[in-house]
């Protein structure tokens, strides 16, 4: 009951506060391309009840894959900006008010993904899906990372999604209102810092993605060599590397050592 009360209060406050921003975004969307302002997509909700998730439309209308990886040609000019600043997610505050989502919880996914990972979602969908959770923060720049791997769809299905599920399940085991509030503050700080960060073209993103794939290699020697390097690399943002790694030119530049490339 407390969690739901916090959800309603915060969602209503944020929706009122961001209404002018939504109005500007809606105008830019209409000027930039034909089609509705809002994008509606079926996502799986609590206890496997589907609902229509709302977003500001960032792509041209038409058929296409339900997945978006990196520089999808369907994304409009305004859409790229909205996605980078995460402003396209603001209409989901209405989903929160309607009780279909929570402020904090596993991100809602398309029904097909819950079929593919049914056992994991049987646990996760005991709660409302949310706007943010620890997995969302870890993969805050997911689209940029996926755009730089050889097979984005395979990487998403075999590496990113299982990792997100593991993180979300671990968080739910110890979730409470105070942890949720702390997570919302972290999310807000990340969003505020986002405009000042360059779009990721850092080689370290590519390096980590390659290493993550190598950790799943059937070759035990390859997995053993990749593990310590993977753990030392930052996830996506250009943060300071540990001293032990700074002395290595290959790791400092983000390049994968030749034996693992």
C-alpha atoms as a PDB file:
ATOM      1  CA  UNK A   1       0.000   0.000   0.000  1.00  0.00           C
ATOM      2  CA  UNK A   2       2.844   2.409   0.865  1.00  0.00           C
ATOM      3  CA  UNK A   3       4.641   1.646  -2.401  1.00  0.00           C
ATOM      4  CA  UNK A   4       1.479   2.326  -4.409  1.00  0.00           C
ATOM      5  CA  UNK A   5       0.869   5.591  -2.564  1.00  0.00           C
ATOM      6  CA  UNK A   6       4.421   6.723  -3.322  1.00  0.00           C
ATOM      7  CA  UNK A   7       3.956   5.720  -6.965  1.00  0.00           C
ATOM      8  CA  UNK A   8       0.784   7.789  -7.339  1.00  0.00           C
ATOM      9  CA  UNK A   9       2.186  10.850  -5.568  1.00  0.00           C
ATOM     10  CA  UNK A  10       5.453  10.913  -7.529  1.00  0.00           C
ATOM     11  CA  UNK A  11       3.881  10.095 -10.887  1.00  0.00           C
ATOM     12  CA  UNK A  12       1.263  12.835 -10.489  1.00  0.00           C
ATOM     13  CA  UNK A  13       3.854  15.387  -9.382  1.00  0.00           C
ATOM     14  CA  UNK A  14       6.223  14.545 -12.235  1.00  0.00           C
ATOM     15  CA  UNK A  15       3.450  14.522 -14.802  1.00  0.00           C
ATOM     16  CA  UNK A  16       2.310  18.003 -13.781  1.00  0.00           C
ATOM     17  CA  UNK A  17       5.893  19.281 -13.661  1.00  0.00           C
ATOM     18  CA  UNK A  18       6.757  17.914 -17.135  1.00  0.00           C
ATOM     19  CA  UNK A  19       3.545  18.930 -18.940  1.00  0.00           C
ATOM     20  CA  UNK A  20       5.200  21.970 -20.617  1.00  0.00           C
ATOM     21  CA  UNK A  21       8.058  19.733 -21.757  1.00  0.00           C
ATOM     22  CA  UNK A  22       5.600  17.188 -23.122  1.00  0.00           C
ATOM     23  CA  UNK A  23       3.763  19.930 -25.011  1.00  0.00           C
ATOM     24  CA  UNK A  24       7.000  21.115 -26.663  1.00  0.00           C
ATOM     25  CA  UNK A  25       7.989  17.527 -27.512  1.00  0.00           C
ATOM     26  CA  UNK A  26       4.543  16.838 -29.004  1.00  0.00           C
ATOM     27  CA  UNK A  27       4.812  19.911 -31.235  1.00  0.00           C
ATOM     28  CA  UNK A  28       8.284  18.912 -32.469  1.00  0.00           C
ATOM     29  CA  UNK A  29       7.119  15.372 -33.208  1.00  0.00           C
ATOM     30  CA  UNK A  30       4.204  16.625 -35.330  1.00  0.00           C
ATOM     31  CA  UNK A  31       6.461  19.054 -37.209  1.00  0.00           C
ATOM     32  CA  UNK A  32       9.123  16.421 -37.831  1.00  0.00           C
ATOM     33  CA  UNK A  33       7.046  13.541 -39.237  1.00  0.00           C
ATOM     34  CA  UNK A  34       3.527  12.348 -39.958  1.00  0.00           C
ATOM     35  CA  UNK A  35       1.714  10.255 -37.392  1.00  0.00           C
ATOM     36  CA  UNK A  36       0.421  10.359 -33.823  1.00  0.00           C
ATOM     37  CA  UNK A  37       2.352  11.925 -30.975  1.00  0.00           C
ATOM     38  CA  UNK A  38       2.071   8.858 -28.764  1.00  0.00           C
ATOM     39  CA  UNK A  39       3.340   5.377 -29.506  1.00  0.00           C
ATOM     40  CA  UNK A  40       1.392   2.500 -27.942  1.00  0.00           C
ATOM     41  CA  UNK A  41       2.832  -0.992 -27.686  1.00  0.00           C
ATOM     42  CA  UNK A  42       1.587  -4.086 -25.904  1.00  0.00           C
ATOM     43  CA  UNK A  43       3.794  -5.032 -22.982  1.00  0.00           C
ATOM     44  CA  UNK A  44       3.387  -7.728 -20.373  1.00  0.00           C
ATOM     45  CA  UNK A  45       2.259  -6.509 -16.967  1.00  0.00           C
ATOM     46  CA  UNK A  46       1.813  -7.920 -13.504  1.00  0.00           C
ATOM     47  CA  UNK A  47       0.612 -11.547 -13.420  1.00  0.00           C
ATOM     48  CA  UNK A  48       1.063 -11.699 -17.206  1.00  0.00           C
ATOM     49  CA  UNK A  49      -1.725  -9.218 -17.914  1.00  0.00           C
ATOM     50  CA  UNK A  50      -0.902  -7.279 -21.097  1.00  0.00           C
ATOM     51  CA  UNK A  51      -1.292  -3.510 -21.238  1.00  0.00           C
ATOM     52  CA  UNK A  52      -0.518  -0.681 -23.655  1.00  0.00           C
ATOM     53  CA  UNK A  53       2.747   1.021 -22.735  1.00  0.00           C
ATOM     54  CA  UNK A  54       2.878   4.698 -23.763  1.00  0.00           C
ATOM     55  CA  UNK A  55       5.854   6.528 -25.237  1.00  0.00           C
ATOM     56  CA  UNK A  56       6.386   9.641 -27.271  1.00  0.00           C
ATOM     57  CA  UNK A  57       6.683   8.484 -30.877  1.00  0.00           C
ATOM     58  CA  UNK A  58      10.314   8.529 -31.998  1.00  0.00           C
ATOM     59  CA  UNK A  59      10.031   6.508 -35.219  1.00  0.00           C
ATOM     60  CA  UNK A  60       8.284   6.856 -38.551  1.00  0.00           C
ATOM     61  CA  UNK A  61       4.995   5.019 -38.784  1.00  0.00           C
ATOM     62  CA  UNK A  62       5.018   1.678 -40.550  1.00  0.00           C
ATOM     63  CA  UNK A  63       5.765  -1.979 -40.056  1.00  0.00           C
ATOM     64  CA  UNK A  64       9.043  -3.202 -38.667  1.00  0.00           C
ATOM     65  CA  UNK A  65      10.757  -5.174 -35.942  1.00  0.00           C
ATOM     66  CA  UNK A  66       9.549  -4.770 -32.363  1.00  0.00           C
ATOM     67  CA  UNK A  67      13.214  -4.468 -31.376  1.00  0.00           C
ATOM     68  CA  UNK A  68      15.316  -1.354 -31.956  1.00  0.00           C
ATOM     69  CA  UNK A  69      19.081  -1.723 -32.033  1.00  0.00           C
ATOM     70  CA  UNK A  70      21.257   1.357 -32.356  1.00  0.00           C
ATOM     71  CA  UNK A  71      20.904   3.599 -35.413  1.00  0.00           C
ATOM     72  CA  UNK A  72      17.593   2.223 -36.668  1.00  0.00           C
ATOM     73  CA  UNK A  73      16.713   4.084 -39.902  1.00  0.00           C
ATOM     74  CA  UNK A  74      13.103   4.408 -38.710  1.00  0.00           C
ATOM     75  CA  UNK A  75      14.132   6.807 -35.911  1.00  0.00           C
ATOM     76  CA  UNK A  76      13.363  10.440 -36.719  1.00  0.00           C
ATOM     77  CA  UNK A  77      15.622  13.422 -36.058  1.00  0.00           C
ATOM     78  CA  UNK A  78      13.502  14.566 -33.128  1.00  0.00           C
ATOM     79  CA  UNK A  79      13.220  10.944 -32.022  1.00  0.00           C
ATOM     80  CA  UNK A  80      16.985  10.610 -31.646  1.00  0.00           C
ATOM     81  CA  UNK A  81      17.038  13.572 -29.285  1.00  0.00           C
ATOM     82  CA  UNK A  82      14.075  12.309 -27.272  1.00  0.00           C
ATOM     83  CA  UNK A  83      15.636   8.878 -26.936  1.00  0.00           C
ATOM     84  CA  UNK A  84      19.017  10.234 -25.913  1.00  0.00           C
ATOM     85  CA  UNK A  85      17.448  12.334 -23.157  1.00  0.00           C
ATOM     86  CA  UNK A  86      14.955   9.551 -22.289  1.00  0.00           C
ATOM     87  CA  UNK A  87      12.113  12.038 -22.704  1.00  0.00           C
ATOM     88  CA  UNK A  88      10.173   9.537 -24.805  1.00  0.00           C
ATOM     89  CA  UNK A  89       9.557   7.558 -21.601  1.00  0.00           C
ATOM     90  CA  UNK A  90       7.632  10.369 -19.832  1.00  0.00           C
ATOM     91  CA  UNK A  91       4.120   9.230 -20.903  1.00  0.00           C
ATOM     92  CA  UNK A  92       4.671   6.079 -18.859  1.00  0.00           C
ATOM     93  CA  UNK A  93       3.899   8.201 -15.818  1.00  0.00           C
ATOM     94  CA  UNK A  94       0.287   7.790 -16.981  1.00  0.00           C
ATOM     95  CA  UNK A  95       0.787   4.008 -16.949  1.00  0.00           C
ATOM     96  CA  UNK A  96       1.942   4.378 -13.347  1.00  0.00           C
ATOM     97  CA  UNK A  97      -1.156   6.385 -12.400  1.00  0.00           C
ATOM     98  CA  UNK A  98      -3.363   3.750 -14.037  1.00  0.00           C
ATOM     99  CA  UNK A  99      -1.757   1.052 -11.890  1.00  0.00           C
ATOM    100  CA  UNK A 100      -0.198  -0.776 -14.830  1.00  0.00           C
ATOM    101  CA  UNK A 101       3.333   0.156 -13.798  1.00  0.00           C
ATOM    102  CA  UNK A 102       5.304   1.238 -10.766  1.00  0.00           C
ATOM    103  CA  UNK A 103       8.043   3.835 -10.438  1.00  0.00           C
ATOM    104  CA  UNK A 104      10.524   1.054  -9.636  1.00  0.00           C
ATOM    105  CA  UNK A 105      10.307  -2.460 -10.974  1.00  0.00           C
ATOM    106  CA  UNK A 106      11.543  -4.710 -13.799  1.00  0.00           C
ATOM    107  CA  UNK A 107      11.161  -2.967 -17.150  1.00  0.00           C
ATOM    108  CA  UNK A 108       8.041  -4.111 -19.064  1.00  0.00           C
ATOM    109  CA  UNK A 109       8.848  -6.153 -22.150  1.00  0.00           C
ATOM    110  CA  UNK A 110       6.977  -7.354 -25.205  1.00  0.00           C
ATOM    111  CA  UNK A 111       4.980 -10.591 -24.684  1.00  0.00           C
ATOM    112  CA  UNK A 112       7.296 -12.596 -26.965  1.00  0.00           C
ATOM    113  CA  UNK A 113      10.203 -12.037 -24.598  1.00  0.00           C
ATOM    114  CA  UNK A 114       8.235 -13.365 -21.610  1.00  0.00           C
ATOM    115  CA  UNK A 115       7.566 -16.538 -23.607  1.00  0.00           C
ATOM    116  CA  UNK A 116      11.276 -16.927 -24.376  1.00  0.00           C
ATOM    117  CA  UNK A 117      12.241 -16.424 -20.706  1.00  0.00           C
ATOM    118  CA  UNK A 118       9.053 -17.709 -19.084  1.00  0.00           C
ATOM    119  CA  UNK A 119      10.586 -19.109 -15.888  1.00  0.00           C
ATOM    120  CA  UNK A 120      12.354 -15.867 -15.034  1.00  0.00           C
ATOM    121  CA  UNK A 121       9.305 -13.704 -15.693  1.00  0.00           C
ATOM    122  CA  UNK A 122       7.078 -15.915 -13.571  1.00  0.00           C
ATOM    123  CA  UNK A 123       8.984 -14.446 -10.631  1.00  0.00           C
ATOM    124  CA  UNK A 124       9.475 -10.927 -11.940  1.00  0.00           C
ATOM    125  CA  UNK A 125       5.863 -10.393 -12.989  1.00  0.00           C
ATOM    126  CA  UNK A 126       4.582 -11.061  -9.503  1.00  0.00           C
ATOM    127  CA  UNK A 127       5.124  -7.295  -9.160  1.00  0.00           C
ATOM    128  CA  UNK A 128       4.250  -4.373 -11.404  1.00  0.00           C
ATOM    129  CA  UNK A 129       6.852  -3.561 -14.045  1.00  0.00           C
ATOM    130  CA  UNK A 130       8.538  -0.223 -13.491  1.00  0.00           C
ATOM    131  CA  UNK A 131      10.105   2.869 -14.996  1.00  0.00           C
ATOM    132  CA  UNK A 132      13.509   2.003 -13.590  1.00  0.00           C
ATOM    133  CA  UNK A 133      15.425  -0.662 -11.701  1.00  0.00           C
ATOM    134  CA  UNK A 134      19.114  -1.565 -11.254  1.00  0.00           C
ATOM    135  CA  UNK A 135      19.211  -3.371 -14.610  1.00  0.00           C
ATOM    136  CA  UNK A 136      17.869  -0.254 -16.320  1.00  0.00           C
ATOM    137  CA  UNK A 137      20.693   1.827 -14.847  1.00  0.00           C
ATOM    138  CA  UNK A 138      23.363  -0.695 -15.760  1.00  0.00           C
ATOM    139  CA  UNK A 139      22.161  -0.735 -19.370  1.00  0.00           C
ATOM    140  CA  UNK A 140      21.310   2.953 -19.533  1.00  0.00           C
ATOM    141  CA  UNK A 141      23.162   3.249 -22.855  1.00  0.00           C
ATOM    142  CA  UNK A 142      22.138  -0.143 -24.133  1.00  0.00           C
ATOM    143  CA  UNK A 143      21.257   1.002 -27.671  1.00  0.00           C
ATOM    144  CA  UNK A 144      24.727   2.451 -28.185  1.00  0.00           C
ATOM    145  CA  UNK A 145      26.372  -0.734 -26.995  1.00  0.00           C
ATOM    146  CA  UNK A 146      24.209  -2.986 -29.167  1.00  0.00           C
ATOM    147  CA  UNK A 147      24.922  -0.819 -32.197  1.00  0.00           C
ATOM    148  CA  UNK A 148      28.611  -1.698 -31.900  1.00  0.00           C
ATOM    149  CA  UNK A 149      28.458  -5.489 -31.689  1.00  0.00           C
ATOM    150  CA  UNK A 150      28.453  -7.743 -34.767  1.00  0.00           C
ATOM    151  CA  UNK A 151      25.058  -9.346 -34.052  1.00  0.00           C
ATOM    152  CA  UNK A 152      22.919  -7.013 -31.888  1.00  0.00           C
ATOM    153  CA  UNK A 153      19.874  -9.281 -31.706  1.00  0.00           C
ATOM    154  CA  UNK A 154      21.901 -12.318 -30.638  1.00  0.00           C
ATOM    155  CA  UNK A 155      23.823 -10.271 -28.073  1.00  0.00           C
ATOM    156  CA  UNK A 156      20.556  -8.868 -26.718  1.00  0.00           C
ATOM    157  CA  UNK A 157      18.977 -12.313 -26.368  1.00  0.00           C
ATOM    158  CA  UNK A 158      21.975 -14.287 -25.090  1.00  0.00           C
ATOM    159  CA  UNK A 159      23.875 -11.721 -23.015  1.00  0.00           C
ATOM    160  CA  UNK A 160      21.933  -8.555 -22.196  1.00  0.00           C
ATOM    161  CA  UNK A 161      18.507 -10.020 -21.396  1.00  0.00           C
ATOM    162  CA  UNK A 162      19.767 -12.854 -19.142  1.00  0.00           C
ATOM    163  CA  UNK A 163      21.947 -10.353 -17.279  1.00  0.00           C
ATOM    164  CA  UNK A 164      19.010  -7.954 -16.828  1.00  0.00           C
ATOM    165  CA  UNK A 165      16.839 -10.781 -15.511  1.00  0.00           C
ATOM    166  CA  UNK A 166      19.521 -11.807 -13.014  1.00  0.00           C
ATOM    167  CA  UNK A 167      19.946  -8.234 -11.755  1.00  0.00           C
ATOM    168  CA  UNK A 168      16.193  -7.609 -11.468  1.00  0.00           C
ATOM    169  CA  UNK A 169      15.592 -10.880  -9.614  1.00  0.00           C
ATOM    170  CA  UNK A 170      18.399 -10.101  -7.164  1.00  0.00           C
ATOM    171  CA  UNK A 171      16.969  -6.638  -6.518  1.00  0.00           C
ATOM    172  CA  UNK A 172      13.429  -7.900  -5.874  1.00  0.00           C
ATOM    173  CA  UNK A 173      14.697 -10.173  -3.109  1.00  0.00           C
ATOM    174  CA  UNK A 174      15.735  -7.162  -1.019  1.00  0.00           C
ATOM    175  CA  UNK A 175      13.480  -4.420  -2.388  1.00  0.00           C
ATOM    176  CA  UNK A 176      11.754  -1.957  -0.052  1.00  0.00           C
ATOM    177  CA  UNK A 177      10.484   1.613  -0.215  1.00  0.00           C
ATOM    178  CA  UNK A 178      13.794   3.140   0.886  1.00  0.00           C
ATOM    179  CA  UNK A 179      15.794   1.200  -1.683  1.00  0.00           C
ATOM    180  CA  UNK A 180      13.268   2.250  -4.302  1.00  0.00           C
ATOM    181  CA  UNK A 181      13.653   5.914  -3.348  1.00  0.00           C
ATOM    182  CA  UNK A 182      17.439   5.624  -3.494  1.00  0.00           C
ATOM    183  CA  UNK A 183      17.169   4.032  -6.926  1.00  0.00           C
ATOM    184  CA  UNK A 184      14.891   6.819  -8.178  1.00  0.00           C
ATOM    185  CA  UNK A 185      17.427   9.403  -6.986  1.00  0.00           C
ATOM    186  CA  UNK A 186      20.208   7.568  -8.812  1.00  0.00           C
ATOM    187  CA  UNK A 187      18.055   7.460 -11.938  1.00  0.00           C
ATOM    188  CA  UNK A 188      17.331  11.196 -11.709  1.00  0.00           C
ATOM    189  CA  UNK A 189      21.036  12.001 -11.320  1.00  0.00           C
ATOM    190  CA  UNK A 190      21.878   9.798 -14.299  1.00  0.00           C
ATOM    191  CA  UNK A 191      19.245  11.551 -16.413  1.00  0.00           C
ATOM    192  CA  UNK A 192      20.538  14.980 -15.412  1.00  0.00           C
ATOM    193  CA  UNK A 193      24.104  14.009 -16.289  1.00  0.00           C
ATOM    194  CA  UNK A 194      23.123  12.462 -19.615  1.00  0.00           C
ATOM    195  CA  UNK A 195      23.074  15.658 -21.776  1.00  0.00           C
ATOM    196  CA  UNK A 196      26.654  16.470 -20.766  1.00  0.00           C
ATOM    197  CA  UNK A 197      28.045  13.063 -21.702  1.00  0.00           C
ATOM    198  CA  UNK A 198      29.221  12.478 -25.283  1.00  0.00           C
ATOM    199  CA  UNK A 199      27.443   9.750 -27.190  1.00  0.00           C
ATOM    200  CA  UNK A 200      29.376   6.604 -26.630  1.00  0.00           C
ATOM    201  CA  UNK A 201      31.866   5.752 -29.303  1.00  0.00           C
ATOM    202  CA  UNK A 202      34.409   4.665 -26.706  1.00  0.00           C
ATOM    203  CA  UNK A 203      36.280   1.517 -27.719  1.00  0.00           C
ATOM    204  CA  UNK A 204      35.685   0.292 -24.160  1.00  0.00           C
ATOM    205  CA  UNK A 205      32.023  -0.336 -25.006  1.00  0.00           C
ATOM    206  CA  UNK A 206      33.003  -2.583 -27.869  1.00  0.00           C
ATOM    207  CA  UNK A 207      35.668  -4.280 -25.774  1.00  0.00           C
ATOM    208  CA  UNK A 208      33.263  -5.129 -22.980  1.00  0.00           C
ATOM    209  CA  UNK A 209      30.642  -6.422 -25.388  1.00  0.00           C
ATOM    210  CA  UNK A 210      33.205  -8.681 -27.067  1.00  0.00           C
ATOM    211  CA  UNK A 211      34.511  -9.915 -23.740  1.00  0.00           C
ATOM    212  CA  UNK A 212      30.976 -10.612 -22.508  1.00  0.00           C
ATOM    213  CA  UNK A 213      30.475 -12.821 -25.558  1.00  0.00           C
ATOM    214  CA  UNK A 214      33.813 -14.558 -25.017  1.00  0.00           C
ATOM    215  CA  UNK A 215      32.796 -15.437 -21.455  1.00  0.00           C
ATOM    216  CA  UNK A 216      30.165 -17.687 -23.015  1.00  0.00           C
ATOM    217  CA  UNK A 217      32.683 -19.376 -25.288  1.00  0.00           C
ATOM    218  CA  UNK A 218      32.863 -23.195 -25.184  1.00  0.00           C
ATOM    219  CA  UNK A 219      36.646 -22.850 -24.930  1.00  0.00           C
ATOM    220  CA  UNK A 220      37.499 -22.886 -21.172  1.00  0.00           C
ATOM    221  CA  UNK A 221      40.891 -21.274 -21.777  1.00  0.00           C
ATOM    222  CA  UNK A 222      39.261 -18.378 -23.620  1.00  0.00           C
ATOM    223  CA  UNK A 223      36.746 -17.885 -20.792  1.00  0.00           C
ATOM    224  CA  UNK A 224      39.512 -17.932 -18.166  1.00  0.00           C
ATOM    225  CA  UNK A 225      41.525 -15.253 -19.994  1.00  0.00           C
ATOM    226  CA  UNK A 226      38.511 -13.017 -20.620  1.00  0.00           C
ATOM    227  CA  UNK A 227      37.097 -13.016 -17.078  1.00  0.00           C
ATOM    228  CA  UNK A 228      39.631 -10.817 -15.212  1.00  0.00           C
ATOM    229  CA  UNK A 229      39.800  -8.276 -18.040  1.00  0.00           C
ATOM    230  CA  UNK A 230      36.009  -8.072 -18.256  1.00  0.00           C
ATOM    231  CA  UNK A 231      35.660  -7.367 -14.557  1.00  0.00           C
ATOM    232  CA  UNK A 232      38.123  -4.473 -14.721  1.00  0.00           C
ATOM    233  CA  UNK A 233      36.536  -2.697 -17.676  1.00  0.00           C
ATOM    234  CA  UNK A 234      33.855  -0.060 -16.938  1.00  0.00           C
ATOM    235  CA  UNK A 235      30.398  -0.888 -18.329  1.00  0.00           C
ATOM    236  CA  UNK A 236      29.651   2.001 -20.654  1.00  0.00           C
ATOM    237  CA  UNK A 237      30.610   5.398 -19.338  1.00  0.00           C
ATOM    238  CA  UNK A 238      34.211   6.647 -19.607  1.00  0.00           C
ATOM    239  CA  UNK A 239      35.072   6.275 -15.938  1.00  0.00           C
ATOM    240  CA  UNK A 240      38.544   6.084 -14.421  1.00  0.00           C
ATOM    241  CA  UNK A 241      40.091   2.650 -14.686  1.00  0.00           C
ATOM    242  CA  UNK A 242      41.814   0.999 -11.711  1.00  0.00           C
ATOM    243  CA  UNK A 243      45.530   1.713 -11.332  1.00  0.00           C
ATOM    244  CA  UNK A 244      46.446  -1.859 -12.235  1.00  0.00           C
ATOM    245  CA  UNK A 245      44.741  -1.412 -15.580  1.00  0.00           C
ATOM    246  CA  UNK A 246      45.775   2.179 -16.374  1.00  0.00           C
ATOM    247  CA  UNK A 247      49.313   1.028 -17.132  1.00  0.00           C
ATOM    248  CA  UNK A 248      48.069  -1.238 -19.905  1.00  0.00           C
ATOM    249  CA  UNK A 249      47.776   0.590 -23.251  1.00  0.00           C
ATOM    250  CA  UNK A 250      45.381  -2.024 -24.652  1.00  0.00           C
ATOM    251  CA  UNK A 251      42.902  -1.729 -21.807  1.00  0.00           C
ATOM    252  CA  UNK A 252      43.227   2.027 -21.443  1.00  0.00           C
ATOM    253  CA  UNK A 253      42.251   2.431 -25.115  1.00  0.00           C
ATOM    254  CA  UNK A 254      39.487  -0.110 -24.714  1.00  0.00           C
ATOM    255  CA  UNK A 255      40.992  -2.499 -27.244  1.00  0.00           C
ATOM    256  CA  UNK A 256      40.599  -6.216 -26.746  1.00  0.00           C
ATOM    257  CA  UNK A 257      43.974  -7.937 -26.369  1.00  0.00           C
ATOM    258  CA  UNK A 258      44.959  -9.577 -29.679  1.00  0.00           C
ATOM    259  CA  UNK A 259      44.553 -13.070 -28.285  1.00  0.00           C
ATOM    260  CA  UNK A 260      40.905 -12.320 -27.475  1.00  0.00           C
ATOM    261  CA  UNK A 261      40.032 -10.127 -30.474  1.00  0.00           C
END
